[in-house]
Amino acid sequence: MSIFIGGAWVYANGSLHLGHLSSLLSGDILARYYRLKGEKVLYVSGSDCNGTPITIKAKQEGVSPTQIADRYHEEFKDCFTKLGFTYDVYTRTDTAHHHQIVQEIFLKLLKKGLI
C-alpha cells in the first residue's frame, strides 16, 4: 500500500512555536509508523510563502515579502531537521513546481465537476 501524508503548510512570517509543532508532529508519527510497517510513504509539507501575513511583516520590517519568506522558510527547515522530522519533501508555495502541480490538480478537479 502507498501512503500519502500532507502536513500543514506554516505561514513563513514568524518563528515556529509549540502550537505549530504540536499540529505537525502527528503527521511525522504516522509517516514513521507506516515506514516501520514497510509501507511506501510520501510525507510532504512546506512553508506557505504567499499571503497577507508575509506582506504585513515585510512592511513592518522595511524589506521585501520574498526576504521574509526566505528567512522563515530556512529557519523552519533548520528547525525540522534538528527535531528529526522525516519529510520526504519540504518545499515552499512560491516555487514554479508548486504552482504547476496546484494548477494541474485544480484543472483535474474542475474537469470532473468537483469544483
PDB file of N, CA and C in Angstrom:
ATOM      1  N   MET A   1       0.849  -1.175   0.000  1.00  0.00           N
ATOM      2  CA  MET A   1       0.000   0.000   0.000  1.00  0.00           C
ATOM      3  C   MET A   1       0.896   1.241   0.000  1.00  0.00           C
ATOM      4  N   SER A   2       0.440   2.275  -0.682  1.00  0.00           N
ATOM      5  CA  SER A   2       1.141   3.558  -0.684  1.00  0.00           C
ATOM      6  C   SER A   2       0.379   4.547   0.183  1.00  0.00           C
ATOM      7  N   ILE A   3       1.107   5.281   0.988  1.00  0.00           N
ATOM      8  CA  ILE A   3       0.511   6.234   1.926  1.00  0.00           C
ATOM      9  C   ILE A   3       1.000   7.638   1.583  1.00  0.00           C
ATOM     10  N   PHE A   4       0.053   8.571   1.442  1.00  0.00           N
ATOM     11  CA  PHE A   4       0.395   9.980   1.261  1.00  0.00           C
ATOM     12  C   PHE A   4       0.008  10.728   2.527  1.00  0.00           C
ATOM     13  N   ILE A   5       0.930  11.495   3.074  1.00  0.00           N
ATOM     14  CA  ILE A   5       0.654  12.322   4.245  1.00  0.00           C
ATOM     15  C   ILE A   5       1.020  13.756   3.889  1.00  0.00           C
ATOM     16  N   GLY A   6       0.035  14.630   3.930  1.00  0.00           N
ATOM     17  CA  GLY A   6       0.254  16.044   3.662  1.00  0.00           C
ATOM     18  C   GLY A   6       0.190  16.831   4.953  1.00  0.00           C
ATOM     19  N   GLY A   7       1.314  17.352   5.372  1.00  0.00           N
ATOM     20  CA  GLY A   7       1.363  18.149   6.596  1.00  0.00           C
ATOM     21  C   GLY A   7       0.880  19.567   6.353  1.00  0.00           C
ATOM     22  N   ALA A   8       0.520  20.240   7.415  1.00  0.00           N
ATOM     23  CA  ALA A   8       0.092  21.644   7.326  1.00  0.00           C
ATOM     24  C   ALA A   8       1.243  22.496   6.800  1.00  0.00           C
ATOM     25  N   TRP A   9       0.899  23.534   6.051  1.00  0.00           N
ATOM     26  CA  TRP A   9       1.883  24.463   5.496  1.00  0.00           C
ATOM     27  C   TRP A   9       1.889  25.712   6.372  1.00  0.00           C
ATOM     28  N   VAL A  10       2.982  25.936   7.061  1.00  0.00           N
ATOM     29  CA  VAL A  10       3.089  27.035   8.018  1.00  0.00           C
ATOM     30  C   VAL A  10       3.394  28.345   7.282  1.00  0.00           C
ATOM     31  N   TYR A  11       2.679  29.425   7.654  1.00  0.00           N
ATOM     32  CA  TYR A  11       2.985  30.741   7.093  1.00  0.00           C
ATOM     33  C   TYR A  11       4.413  31.135   7.438  1.00  0.00           C
ATOM     34  N   ALA A  12       5.160  31.571   6.440  1.00  0.00           N
ATOM     35  CA  ALA A  12       6.559  31.967   6.638  1.00  0.00           C
ATOM     36  C   ALA A  12       6.636  33.444   7.006  1.00  0.00           C
ATOM     37  N   ASN A  13       5.995  33.791   8.130  1.00  0.00           N
ATOM     38  CA  ASN A  13       6.000  35.196   8.567  1.00  0.00           C
ATOM     39  C   ASN A  13       6.427  35.366  10.019  1.00  0.00           C
ATOM     40  N   GLY A  14       6.894  34.313  10.647  1.00  0.00           N
ATOM     41  CA  GLY A  14       7.349  34.374  12.027  1.00  0.00           C
ATOM     42  C   GLY A  14       7.875  33.015  12.453  1.00  0.00           C
ATOM     43  N   SER A  15       8.590  32.999  13.552  1.00  0.00           N
ATOM     44  CA  SER A  15       9.187  31.755  14.033  1.00  0.00           C
ATOM     45  C   SER A  15       8.129  30.742  14.444  1.00  0.00           C
ATOM     46  N   LEU A  16       8.529  29.478  14.390  1.00  0.00           N
ATOM     47  CA  LEU A  16       7.647  28.403  14.837  1.00  0.00           C
ATOM     48  C   LEU A  16       7.437  28.497  16.341  1.00  0.00           C
ATOM     49  N   HIS A  17       6.307  28.000  16.800  1.00  0.00           N
ATOM     50  CA  HIS A  17       6.037  27.906  18.230  1.00  0.00           C
ATOM     51  C   HIS A  17       5.466  26.528  18.527  1.00  0.00           C
ATOM     52  N   LEU A  18       5.228  26.246  19.768  1.00  0.00           N
ATOM     53  CA  LEU A  18       4.776  24.924  20.188  1.00  0.00           C
ATOM     54  C   LEU A  18       3.478  24.506  19.500  1.00  0.00           C
ATOM     55  N   GLY A  19       2.583  25.449  19.259  1.00  0.00           N
ATOM     56  CA  GLY A  19       1.330  25.133  18.572  1.00  0.00           C
ATOM     57  C   GLY A  19       1.566  24.603  17.171  1.00  0.00           C
ATOM     58  N   HIS A  20       2.495  25.218  16.446  1.00  0.00           N
ATOM     59  CA  HIS A  20       2.841  24.712  15.113  1.00  0.00           C
ATOM     60  C   HIS A  20       3.350  23.277  15.224  1.00  0.00           C
ATOM     61  N   LEU A  21       4.303  23.085  16.110  1.00  0.00           N
ATOM     62  CA  LEU A  21       4.945  21.781  16.214  1.00  0.00           C
ATOM     63  C   LEU A  21       3.970  20.698  16.642  1.00  0.00           C
ATOM     64  N   SER A  22       3.061  21.025  17.548  1.00  0.00           N
ATOM     65  CA  SER A  22       2.110  20.009  18.002  1.00  0.00           C
ATOM     66  C   SER A  22       1.165  19.595  16.881  1.00  0.00           C
ATOM     67  N   SER A  23       0.836  20.517  15.977  1.00  0.00           N
ATOM     68  CA  SER A  23      -0.058  20.155  14.876  1.00  0.00           C
ATOM     69  C   SER A  23       0.679  19.403  13.768  1.00  0.00           C
ATOM     70  N   LEU A  24       1.987  19.523  13.699  1.00  0.00           N
ATOM     71  CA  LEU A  24       2.768  18.856  12.663  1.00  0.00           C
ATOM     72  C   LEU A  24       3.307  17.498  13.109  1.00  0.00           C
ATOM     73  N   LEU A  25       3.423  17.308  14.398  1.00  0.00           N
ATOM     74  CA  LEU A  25       4.029  16.090  14.928  1.00  0.00           C
ATOM     75  C   LEU A  25       3.247  14.829  14.563  1.00  0.00           C
ATOM     76  N   SER A  26       1.926  14.910  14.539  1.00  0.00           N
ATOM     77  CA  SER A  26       1.122  13.715  14.251  1.00  0.00           C
ATOM     78  C   SER A  26       1.429  13.154  12.862  1.00  0.00           C
ATOM     79  N   GLY A  27       1.638  14.013  11.879  1.00  0.00           N
ATOM     80  CA  GLY A  27       1.988  13.540  10.540  1.00  0.00           C
ATOM     81  C   GLY A  27       3.312  12.806  10.529  1.00  0.00           C
ATOM     82  N   ASP A  28       4.277  13.324  11.280  1.00  0.00           N
ATOM     83  CA  ASP A  28       5.581  12.679  11.341  1.00  0.00           C
ATOM     84  C   ASP A  28       5.482  11.317  12.026  1.00  0.00           C
ATOM     85  N   ILE A  29       4.681  11.242  13.068  1.00  0.00           N
ATOM     86  CA  ILE A  29       4.486   9.965  13.766  1.00  0.00           C
ATOM     87  C   ILE A  29       3.852   8.943  12.826  1.00  0.00           C
ATOM     88  N   LEU A  30       2.829   9.363  12.077  1.00  0.00           N
ATOM     89  CA  LEU A  30       2.188   8.457  11.113  1.00  0.00           C
ATOM     90  C   LEU A  30       3.170   7.986  10.042  1.00  0.00           C
ATOM     91  N   ALA A  31       3.964   8.908   9.523  1.00  0.00           N
ATOM     92  CA  ALA A  31       4.943   8.540   8.496  1.00  0.00           C
ATOM     93  C   ALA A  31       5.914   7.496   9.035  1.00  0.00           C
ATOM     94  N   ARG A  32       6.398   7.691  10.231  1.00  0.00           N
ATOM     95  CA  ARG A  32       7.332   6.737  10.838  1.00  0.00           C
ATOM     96  C   ARG A  32       6.665   5.378  11.048  1.00  0.00           C
ATOM     97  N   TYR A  33       5.430   5.404  11.538  1.00  0.00           N
ATOM     98  CA  TYR A  33       4.687   4.168  11.796  1.00  0.00           C
ATOM     99  C   TYR A  33       4.546   3.343  10.515  1.00  0.00           C
ATOM    100  N   TYR A  34       4.063   3.989   9.451  1.00  0.00           N
ATOM    101  CA  TYR A  34       3.853   3.259   8.201  1.00  0.00           C
ATOM    102  C   TYR A  34       5.164   2.795   7.578  1.00  0.00           C
ATOM    103  N   ARG A  35       6.208   3.573   7.715  1.00  0.00           N
ATOM    104  CA  ARG A  35       7.509   3.134   7.198  1.00  0.00           C
ATOM    105  C   ARG A  35       8.009   1.907   7.959  1.00  0.00           C
ATOM    106  N   LEU A  36       7.810   1.909   9.282  1.00  0.00           N
ATOM    107  CA  LEU A  36       8.209   0.746  10.082  1.00  0.00           C
ATOM    108  C   LEU A  36       7.443  -0.505   9.671  1.00  0.00           C
ATOM    109  N   LYS A  37       6.205  -0.324   9.214  1.00  0.00           N
ATOM    110  CA  LYS A  37       5.398  -1.453   8.735  1.00  0.00           C
ATOM    111  C   LYS A  37       5.799  -1.880   7.326  1.00  0.00           C
ATOM    112  N   GLY A  38       6.727  -1.155   6.722  1.00  0.00           N
ATOM    113  CA  GLY A  38       7.185  -1.488   5.384  1.00  0.00           C
ATOM    114  C   GLY A  38       6.378  -0.860   4.263  1.00  0.00           C
ATOM    115  N   GLU A  39       5.515   0.085   4.612  1.00  0.00           N
ATOM    116  CA  GLU A  39       4.694   0.752   3.596  1.00  0.00           C
ATOM    117  C   GLU A  39       5.506   1.819   2.872  1.00  0.00           C
ATOM    118  N   LYS A  40       5.105   2.097   1.644  1.00  0.00           N
ATOM    119  CA  LYS A  40       5.702   3.181   0.873  1.00  0.00           C
ATOM    120  C   LYS A  40       4.997   4.468   1.286  1.00  0.00           C
ATOM    121  N   VAL A  41       5.757   5.433   1.808  1.00  0.00           N
ATOM    122  CA  VAL A  41       5.186   6.672   2.347  1.00  0.00           C
ATOM    123  C   VAL A  41       5.752   7.876   1.593  1.00  0.00           C
ATOM    124  N   LEU A  42       4.870   8.815   1.294  1.00  0.00           N
ATOM    125  CA  LEU A  42       5.287  10.117   0.780  1.00  0.00           C
ATOM    126  C   LEU A  42       4.740  11.154   1.752  1.00  0.00           C
ATOM    127  N   TYR A  43       5.635  11.766   2.507  1.00  0.00           N
ATOM    128  CA  TYR A  43       5.263  12.740   3.533  1.00  0.00           C
ATOM    129  C   TYR A  43       5.763  14.105   3.085  1.00  0.00           C
ATOM    130  N   VAL A  44       4.827  14.999   2.781  1.00  0.00           N
ATOM    131  CA  VAL A  44       5.191  16.306   2.235  1.00  0.00           C
ATOM    132  C   VAL A  44       4.590  17.448   3.040  1.00  0.00           C
ATOM    133  N   SER A  45       5.280  18.548   2.996  1.00  0.00           N
ATOM    134  CA  SER A  45       4.788  19.792   3.575  1.00  0.00           C
ATOM    135  C   SER A  45       5.691  20.903   3.065  1.00  0.00           C
ATOM    136  N   GLY A  46       5.515  22.067   3.630  1.00  0.00           N
ATOM    137  CA  GLY A  46       6.350  23.176   3.230  1.00  0.00           C
ATOM    138  C   GLY A  46       5.941  24.457   3.920  1.00  0.00           C
ATOM    139  N   SER A  47       6.566  25.510   3.484  1.00  0.00           N
ATOM    140  CA  SER A  47       6.284  26.842   4.015  1.00  0.00           C
ATOM    141  C   SER A  47       5.318  27.549   3.078  1.00  0.00           C
ATOM    142  N   ASP A  48       4.282  28.154   3.640  1.00  0.00           N
ATOM    143  CA  ASP A  48       3.359  28.967   2.845  1.00  0.00           C
ATOM    144  C   ASP A  48       3.997  30.337   2.700  1.00  0.00           C
ATOM    145  N   CYS A  49       4.552  30.594   1.535  1.00  0.00           N
ATOM    146  CA  CYS A  49       5.330  31.816   1.298  1.00  0.00           C
ATOM    147  C   CYS A  49       4.539  32.890   0.566  1.00  0.00           C
ATOM    148  N   ASN A  50       3.231  32.782   0.546  1.00  0.00           N
ATOM    149  CA  ASN A  50       2.362  33.764  -0.094  1.00  0.00           C
ATOM    150  C   ASN A  50       1.370  34.292   0.933  1.00  0.00           C
ATOM    151  N   GLY A  51       0.860  35.475   0.705  1.00  0.00           N
ATOM    152  CA  GLY A  51      -0.248  35.942   1.520  1.00  0.00           C
ATOM    153  C   GLY A  51       0.010  37.202   2.316  1.00  0.00           C
ATOM    154  N   THR A  52      -1.083  37.706   2.827  1.00  0.00           N
ATOM    155  CA  THR A  52      -1.097  38.971   3.556  1.00  0.00           C
ATOM    156  C   THR A  52      -0.184  38.981   4.781  1.00  0.00           C
ATOM    157  N   PRO A  53      -0.168  37.924   5.617  1.00  0.00           N
ATOM    158  CA  PRO A  53       0.695  37.985   6.804  1.00  0.00           C
ATOM    159  C   PRO A  53       2.169  38.245   6.476  1.00  0.00           C
ATOM    160  N   ILE A  54       2.637  37.700   5.370  1.00  0.00           N
ATOM    161  CA  ILE A  54       4.032  37.904   4.974  1.00  0.00           C
ATOM    162  C   ILE A  54       4.245  39.336   4.494  1.00  0.00           C
ATOM    163  N   THR A  55       3.286  39.843   3.738  1.00  0.00           N
ATOM    164  CA  THR A  55       3.376  41.218   3.236  1.00  0.00           C
ATOM    165  C   THR A  55       3.365  42.221   4.384  1.00  0.00           C
ATOM    166  N   ILE A  56       2.512  41.994   5.369  1.00  0.00           N
ATOM    167  CA  ILE A  56       2.445  42.884   6.536  1.00  0.00           C
ATOM    168  C   ILE A  56       3.772  42.871   7.292  1.00  0.00           C
ATOM    169  N   LYS A  57       4.309  41.687   7.536  1.00  0.00           N
ATOM    170  CA  LYS A  57       5.592  41.562   8.244  1.00  0.00           C
ATOM    171  C   LYS A  57       6.701  42.281   7.465  1.00  0.00           C
ATOM    172  N   ALA A  58       6.698  42.141   6.150  1.00  0.00           N
ATOM    173  CA  ALA A  58       7.714  42.796   5.314  1.00  0.00           C
ATOM    174  C   ALA A  58       7.613  44.311   5.422  1.00  0.00           C
ATOM    175  N   LYS A  59       6.390  44.840   5.383  1.00  0.00           N
ATOM    176  CA  LYS A  59       6.206  46.295   5.520  1.00  0.00           C
ATOM    177  C   LYS A  59       6.703  46.775   6.878  1.00  0.00           C
ATOM    178  N   GLN A  60       6.402  46.015   7.932  1.00  0.00           N
ATOM    179  CA  GLN A  60       6.836  46.384   9.276  1.00  0.00           C
ATOM    180  C   GLN A  60       8.356  46.441   9.375  1.00  0.00           C
ATOM    181  N   GLU A  61       9.035  45.547   8.665  1.00  0.00           N
ATOM    182  CA  GLU A  61      10.496  45.473   8.739  1.00  0.00           C
ATOM    183  C   GLU A  61      11.195  46.252   7.628  1.00  0.00           C
ATOM    184  N   GLY A  62      10.439  46.789   6.688  1.00  0.00           N
ATOM    185  CA  GLY A  62      11.037  47.544   5.593  1.00  0.00           C
ATOM    186  C   GLY A  62      11.834  46.699   4.614  1.00  0.00           C
ATOM    187  N   VAL A  63      11.394  45.463   4.419  1.00  0.00           N
ATOM    188  CA  VAL A  63      12.059  44.554   3.477  1.00  0.00           C
ATOM    189  C   VAL A  63      11.010  43.984   2.524  1.00  0.00           C
ATOM    190  N   SER A  64      11.441  43.188   1.571  1.00  0.00           N
ATOM    191  CA  SER A  64      10.503  42.598   0.615  1.00  0.00           C
ATOM    192  C   SER A  64       9.832  41.355   1.212  1.00  0.00           C
ATOM    193  N   PRO A  65       8.641  41.029   0.731  1.00  0.00           N
ATOM    194  CA  PRO A  65       7.989  39.789   1.175  1.00  0.00           C
ATOM    195  C   PRO A  65       8.856  38.553   0.903  1.00  0.00           C
ATOM    196  N   THR A  66       9.595  38.566  -0.189  1.00  0.00           N
ATOM    197  CA  THR A  66      10.472  37.433  -0.501  1.00  0.00           C
ATOM    198  C   THR A  66      11.550  37.260   0.565  1.00  0.00           C
ATOM    199  N   GLN A  67      12.093  38.368   1.062  1.00  0.00           N
ATOM    200  CA  GLN A  67      13.113  38.281   2.115  1.00  0.00           C
ATOM    201  C   GLN A  67      12.534  37.661   3.391  1.00  0.00           C
ATOM    202  N   ILE A  68      11.316  38.039   3.725  1.00  0.00           N
ATOM    203  CA  ILE A  68      10.661  37.457   4.907  1.00  0.00           C
ATOM    204  C   ILE A  68      10.445  35.965   4.694  1.00  0.00           C
ATOM    205  N   ALA A  69       9.872  35.606   3.546  1.00  0.00           N
ATOM    206  CA  ALA A  69       9.601  34.193   3.252  1.00  0.00           C
ATOM    207  C   ALA A  69      10.890  33.379   3.256  1.00  0.00           C
ATOM    208  N   ASP A  70      11.938  33.908   2.645  1.00  0.00           N
ATOM    209  CA  ASP A  70      13.227  33.199   2.614  1.00  0.00           C
ATOM    210  C   ASP A  70      13.760  32.961   4.022  1.00  0.00           C
ATOM    211  N   ARG A  71      13.713  34.000   4.841  1.00  0.00           N
ATOM    212  CA  ARG A  71      14.247  33.900   6.209  1.00  0.00           C
ATOM    213  C   ARG A  71      13.539  32.799   7.001  1.00  0.00           C
ATOM    214  N   TYR A  72      12.215  32.851   7.011  1.00  0.00           N
ATOM    215  CA  TYR A  72      11.486  31.900   7.847  1.00  0.00           C
ATOM    216  C   TYR A  72      11.440  30.500   7.245  1.00  0.00           C
ATOM    217  N   HIS A  73      11.428  30.399   5.928  1.00  0.00           N
ATOM    218  CA  HIS A  73      11.485  29.066   5.310  1.00  0.00           C
ATOM    219  C   HIS A  73      12.771  28.357   5.732  1.00  0.00           C
ATOM    220  N   GLU A  74      13.891  29.051   5.664  1.00  0.00           N
ATOM    221  CA  GLU A  74      15.169  28.449   6.069  1.00  0.00           C
ATOM    222  C   GLU A  74      15.166  28.112   7.561  1.00  0.00           C
ATOM    223  N   GLU A  75      14.592  28.999   8.367  1.00  0.00           N
ATOM    224  CA  GLU A  75      14.501  28.741   9.810  1.00  0.00           C
ATOM    225  C   GLU A  75      13.668  27.487  10.076  1.00  0.00           C
ATOM    226  N   PHE A  76      12.546  27.355   9.373  1.00  0.00           N
ATOM    227  CA  PHE A  76      11.675  26.187   9.554  1.00  0.00           C
ATOM    228  C   PHE A  76      12.416  24.905   9.169  1.00  0.00           C
ATOM    229  N   LYS A  77      13.056  24.918   8.006  1.00  0.00           N
ATOM    230  CA  LYS A  77      13.779  23.723   7.554  1.00  0.00           C
ATOM    231  C   LYS A  77      14.834  23.311   8.572  1.00  0.00           C
ATOM    232  N   ASP A  78      15.569  24.279   9.087  1.00  0.00           N
ATOM    233  CA  ASP A  78      16.603  24.004  10.082  1.00  0.00           C
ATOM    234  C   ASP A  78      15.989  23.413  11.351  1.00  0.00           C
ATOM    235  N   CYS A  79      14.886  23.987  11.791  1.00  0.00           N
ATOM    236  CA  CYS A  79      14.205  23.501  12.996  1.00  0.00           C
ATOM    237  C   CYS A  79      13.725  22.060  12.809  1.00  0.00           C
ATOM    238  N   PHE A  80      13.083  21.775  11.675  1.00  0.00           N
ATOM    239  CA  PHE A  80      12.572  20.425  11.427  1.00  0.00           C
ATOM    240  C   PHE A  80      13.705  19.412  11.322  1.00  0.00           C
ATOM    241  N   THR A  81      14.823  19.823  10.748  1.00  0.00           N
ATOM    242  CA  THR A  81      15.982  18.935  10.668  1.00  0.00           C
ATOM    243  C   THR A  81      16.512  18.632  12.062  1.00  0.00           C
ATOM    244  N   LYS A  82      16.660  19.664  12.881  1.00  0.00           N
ATOM    245  CA  LYS A  82      17.171  19.475  14.244  1.00  0.00           C
ATOM    246  C   LYS A  82      16.240  18.619  15.093  1.00  0.00           C
ATOM    247  N   LEU A  83      14.933  18.732  14.842  1.00  0.00           N
ATOM    248  CA  LEU A  83      13.958  17.942  15.598  1.00  0.00           C
ATOM    249  C   LEU A  83      13.788  16.532  15.040  1.00  0.00           C
ATOM    250  N   GLY A  84      14.396  16.261  13.895  1.00  0.00           N
ATOM    251  CA  GLY A  84      14.346  14.923  13.321  1.00  0.00           C
ATOM    252  C   GLY A  84      13.088  14.599  12.535  1.00  0.00           C
ATOM    253  N   PHE A  85      12.368  15.618  12.064  1.00  0.00           N
ATOM    254  CA  PHE A  85      11.189  15.355  11.239  1.00  0.00           C
ATOM    255  C   PHE A  85      11.621  14.598   9.984  1.00  0.00           C
ATOM    256  N   THR A  86      10.749  13.741   9.481  1.00  0.00           N
ATOM    257  CA  THR A  86      11.114  12.832   8.390  1.00  0.00           C
ATOM    258  C   THR A  86      10.401  13.156   7.078  1.00  0.00           C
ATOM    259  N   TYR A  87      10.261  14.439   6.765  1.00  0.00           N
ATOM    260  CA  TYR A  87       9.640  14.821   5.495  1.00  0.00           C
ATOM    261  C   TYR A  87      10.407  14.203   4.327  1.00  0.00           C
ATOM    262  N   ASP A  88       9.667  13.723   3.342  1.00  0.00           N
ATOM    263  CA  ASP A  88      10.288  13.316   2.084  1.00  0.00           C
ATOM    264  C   ASP A  88      10.511  14.541   1.209  1.00  0.00           C
ATOM    265  N   VAL A  89       9.578  15.475   1.294  1.00  0.00           N
ATOM    266  CA  VAL A  89       9.683  16.734   0.557  1.00  0.00           C
ATOM    267  C   VAL A  89       9.227  17.854   1.483  1.00  0.00           C
ATOM    268  N   TYR A  90      10.078  18.845   1.676  1.00  0.00           N
ATOM    269  CA  TYR A  90       9.678  20.069   2.377  1.00  0.00           C
ATOM    270  C   TYR A  90      10.020  21.215   1.439  1.00  0.00           C
ATOM    271  N   THR A  91       8.992  21.859   0.899  1.00  0.00           N
ATOM    272  CA  THR A  91       9.184  22.853  -0.145  1.00  0.00           C
ATOM    273  C   THR A  91       8.512  24.161   0.245  1.00  0.00           C
ATOM    274  N   ARG A  92       8.154  24.954  -0.726  1.00  0.00           N
ATOM    275  CA  ARG A  92       7.520  26.240  -0.453  1.00  0.00           C
ATOM    276  C   ARG A  92       6.508  26.546  -1.551  1.00  0.00           C
ATOM    277  N   THR A  93       5.519  27.356  -1.218  1.00  0.00           N
ATOM    278  CA  THR A  93       4.414  27.609  -2.142  1.00  0.00           C
ATOM    279  C   THR A  93       4.741  28.587  -3.254  1.00  0.00           C
ATOM    280  N   ASP A  94       5.890  29.220  -3.217  1.00  0.00           N
ATOM    281  CA  ASP A  94       6.212  30.201  -4.254  1.00  0.00           C
ATOM    282  C   ASP A  94       7.174  29.670  -5.319  1.00  0.00           C
ATOM    283  N   THR A  95       7.299  28.354  -5.428  1.00  0.00           N
ATOM    284  CA  THR A  95       8.144  27.777  -6.473  1.00  0.00           C
ATOM    285  C   THR A  95       7.318  27.516  -7.730  1.00  0.00           C
ATOM    286  N   ALA A  96       7.973  27.524  -8.871  1.00  0.00           N
ATOM    287  CA  ALA A  96       7.288  27.238 -10.139  1.00  0.00           C
ATOM    288  C   ALA A  96       6.694  25.830 -10.125  1.00  0.00           C
ATOM    289  N   HIS A  97       7.422  24.875  -9.555  1.00  0.00           N
ATOM    290  CA  HIS A  97       6.932  23.494  -9.479  1.00  0.00           C
ATOM    291  C   HIS A  97       5.632  23.422  -8.675  1.00  0.00           C
ATOM    292  N   HIS A  98       5.597  24.094  -7.542  1.00  0.00           N
ATOM    293  CA  HIS A  98       4.387  24.090  -6.711  1.00  0.00           C
ATOM    294  C   HIS A  98       3.209  24.685  -7.481  1.00  0.00           C
ATOM    295  N   HIS A  99       3.436  25.802  -8.143  1.00  0.00           N
ATOM    296  CA  HIS A  99       2.366  26.440  -8.921  1.00  0.00           C
ATOM    297  C   HIS A  99       1.839  25.489  -9.988  1.00  0.00           C
ATOM    298  N   GLN A 100       2.739  24.801 -10.676  1.00  0.00           N
ATOM    299  CA  GLN A 100       2.349  23.876 -11.741  1.00  0.00           C
ATOM    300  C   GLN A 100       1.504  22.726 -11.190  1.00  0.00           C
ATOM    301  N   ILE A 101       1.949  22.115 -10.109  1.00  0.00           N
ATOM    302  CA  ILE A 101       1.233  20.973  -9.533  1.00  0.00           C
ATOM    303  C   ILE A 101      -0.150  21.392  -9.047  1.00  0.00           C
ATOM    304  N   VAL A 102      -0.241  22.520  -8.365  1.00  0.00           N
ATOM    305  CA  VAL A 102      -1.533  23.003  -7.867  1.00  0.00           C
ATOM    306  C   VAL A 102      -2.483  23.272  -9.032  1.00  0.00           C
ATOM    307  N   GLN A 103      -1.977  23.873 -10.093  1.00  0.00           N
ATOM    308  CA  GLN A 103      -2.819  24.137 -11.265  1.00  0.00           C
ATOM    309  C   GLN A 103      -3.311  22.841 -11.898  1.00  0.00           C
ATOM    310  N   GLU A 104      -2.441  21.842 -11.993  1.00  0.00           N
ATOM    311  CA  GLU A 104      -2.838  20.552 -12.563  1.00  0.00           C
ATOM    312  C   GLU A 104      -3.937  19.897 -11.732  1.00  0.00           C
ATOM    313  N   ILE A 105      -3.775  19.911 -10.424  1.00  0.00           N
ATOM    314  CA  ILE A 105      -4.792  19.321  -9.546  1.00  0.00           C
ATOM    315  C   ILE A 105      -6.104  20.075  -9.682  1.00  0.00           C
ATOM    316  N   PHE A 106      -6.042  21.400  -9.665  1.00  0.00           N
ATOM    317  CA  PHE A 106      -7.240  22.220  -9.805  1.00  0.00           C
ATOM    318  C   PHE A 106      -7.971  21.902 -11.108  1.00  0.00           C
ATOM    319  N   LEU A 107      -7.237  21.839 -12.209  1.00  0.00           N
ATOM    320  CA  LEU A 107      -7.862  21.587 -13.512  1.00  0.00           C
ATOM    321  C   LEU A 107      -8.476  20.191 -13.592  1.00  0.00           C
ATOM    322  N   LYS A 108      -7.836  19.199 -12.979  1.00  0.00           N
ATOM    323  CA  LYS A 108      -8.408  17.843 -12.948  1.00  0.00           C
ATOM    324  C   LYS A 108      -9.719  17.830 -12.165  1.00  0.00           C
ATOM    325  N   LEU A 109      -9.730  18.501 -11.026  1.00  0.00           N
ATOM    326  CA  LEU A 109     -10.954  18.563 -10.223  1.00  0.00           C
ATOM    327  C   LEU A 109     -12.051  19.326 -10.956  1.00  0.00           C
ATOM    328  N   LEU A 110     -11.680  20.400 -11.625  1.00  0.00           N
ATOM    329  CA  LEU A 110     -12.637  21.195 -12.394  1.00  0.00           C
ATOM    330  C   LEU A 110     -13.238  20.364 -13.528  1.00  0.00           C
ATOM    331  N   LYS A 111     -12.395  19.630 -14.234  1.00  0.00           N
ATOM    332  CA  LYS A 111     -12.846  18.789 -15.350  1.00  0.00           C
ATOM    333  C   LYS A 111     -13.829  17.714 -14.878  1.00  0.00           C
ATOM    334  N   LYS A 112     -13.635  17.209 -13.661  1.00  0.00           N
ATOM    335  CA  LYS A 112     -14.519  16.184 -13.109  1.00  0.00           C
ATOM    336  C   LYS A 112     -15.771  16.776 -12.473  1.00  0.00           C
ATOM    337  N   GLY A 113     -15.879  18.108 -12.487  1.00  0.00           N
ATOM    338  CA  GLY A 113     -17.041  18.764 -11.905  1.00  0.00           C
ATOM    339  C   GLY A 113     -17.045  18.791 -10.387  1.00  0.00           C
ATOM    340  N   LEU A 114     -15.888  18.626  -9.798  1.00  0.00           N
ATOM    341  CA  LEU A 114     -15.800  18.597  -8.336  1.00  0.00           C
ATOM    342  C   LEU A 114     -15.618  19.986  -7.738  1.00  0.00           C
ATOM    343  N   ILE A 115     -15.302  20.962  -8.580  1.00  0.00           N
ATOM    344  CA  ILE A 115     -15.240  22.362  -8.137  1.00  0.00           C
ATOM    345  C   ILE A 115     -15.821  23.256  -9.214  1.00  0.00           C
TER     346      ILE A 115
END
